[in-house]
Protein backbone atom coordinates (compact mmCIF):
# COMPACT_ATOMS: atom_id res chain seq x y z
CA MET A 1 -0.01 0.09 -0.43
CA ASP A 2 2.69 2.61 0.89
CA VAL A 3 4.87 1.89 -1.91
CA PRO A 4 6.18 5.17 -4.02
CA ASP A 5 5.55 5.55 -7.04
CA ARG A 6 8.67 7.06 -9.40
CA ALA A 7 8.11 10.05 -7.89
CA GLY A 8 8.57 8.73 -4.29
CA ARG A 9 4.68 9.36 -3.93
CA PRO A 10 2.70 6.88 -1.71
CA ALA A 11 -1.04 6.04 -3.67
CA LEU A 12 -2.41 7.52 -0.97
CA LEU A 13 -0.71 10.60 -1.15
CA VAL A 14 -1.34 11.23 -4.71
CA ALA A 15 -5.34 10.19 -4.46
CA ALA A 16 -5.16 12.32 -2.07
CA GLN A 17 -3.91 15.42 -4.15
CA ARG A 18 -6.52 14.23 -6.95
CA GLY A 19 -9.18 14.72 -4.80
CA ASP A 20 -10.60 11.06 -5.64
CA ALA A 21 -12.51 10.12 -2.41
CA GLU A 22 -12.89 6.21 -3.86
CA MET A 23 -9.55 5.35 -4.39
CA VAL A 24 -8.38 7.26 -0.67
CA GLN A 25 -11.33 5.06 0.60
CA LEU A 26 -10.21 1.45 -0.53
CA LEU A 27 -6.37 2.62 0.30
CA LEU A 28 -7.15 3.29 4.16
CA ALA A 29 -9.34 -0.14 3.93
CA GLY A 30 -6.29 -2.25 2.87
CA GLY A 31 -4.24 -0.74 4.86
CA ALA A 32 -2.22 2.59 3.56
CA ASP A 33 -0.89 4.57 6.50
CA PRO A 34 -2.85 8.18 6.37
CA ASN A 35 0.17 9.29 7.96
CA GLY A 36 3.21 7.84 5.55
CA GLY A 37 4.61 6.16 8.33
CA GLY A 38 5.77 9.18 10.68
CA GLY A 39 4.11 11.86 8.61
CA ILE A 40 5.87 13.72 6.03
CA PHE A 41 6.61 12.05 2.79
CA ALA A 42 9.03 12.15 0.08
CA SER A 43 6.96 15.40 -1.40
CA GLY A 44 7.11 17.18 2.31
CA ARG A 45 3.10 16.43 2.49
CA THR A 46 1.33 14.58 4.31
CA PRO A 47 -1.66 12.80 2.72
CA LEU A 48 -4.45 15.40 4.73
CA MET A 49 -2.51 18.83 3.46
CA ALA A 50 -2.49 17.38 0.14
CA ALA A 51 -6.23 17.00 0.17
CA ALA A 52 -6.03 20.17 2.24
CA ALA A 53 -4.48 21.90 -0.69
CA ALA A 54 -5.60 19.91 -4.03
CA PRO A 55 -5.60 21.80 -6.80
CA CYS A 56 -9.63 20.75 -8.04
CA GLY A 57 -10.24 22.38 -4.58
CA ASP A 58 -11.07 21.28 -1.03
CA ARG A 59 -11.82 18.15 -0.48
CA PRO A 60 -13.55 17.24 2.39
CA ASP A 61 -15.28 13.85 1.98
CA VAL A 62 -11.25 12.98 1.33
CA CYS A 63 -10.35 14.96 4.28
CA ARG A 64 -12.75 13.22 6.54
CA ALA A 65 -12.07 10.05 5.78
CA LEU A 66 -8.36 9.94 5.93
CA CYS A 67 -8.78 11.59 9.69
CA ASP A 68 -11.61 8.51 10.76
CA ARG A 69 -7.92 6.74 10.07
CA GLY A 70 -5.61 8.81 12.10
CA ALA A 71 -4.16 11.51 10.01
CA ARG A 72 -1.94 14.16 11.95
CA TRP A 73 -4.01 17.38 11.75
CA ASP A 74 -1.14 18.60 13.50
CA LEU A 75 2.19 18.58 10.95
CA LYS A 76 3.85 21.18 9.35
CA ASP A 77 5.46 20.83 5.66
CA ARG A 78 8.57 22.57 4.49
């Protein structure tokens, strides 16, 4: 679940950036870590940060799904 792509982004981070609520739910149900094992991914953001700043607009449904699974809201990006 948490294996990064060539750019160092795990699937959950990509799905959150795209605002893909269905994929986020599937990945979380499959065991993806909403905090990336320690918080911030190589990109400098958590999935929650990515969902909140998604170019397609903020996604409260994605943010809620991540928070419900334990995403930390108190981390800072670079």
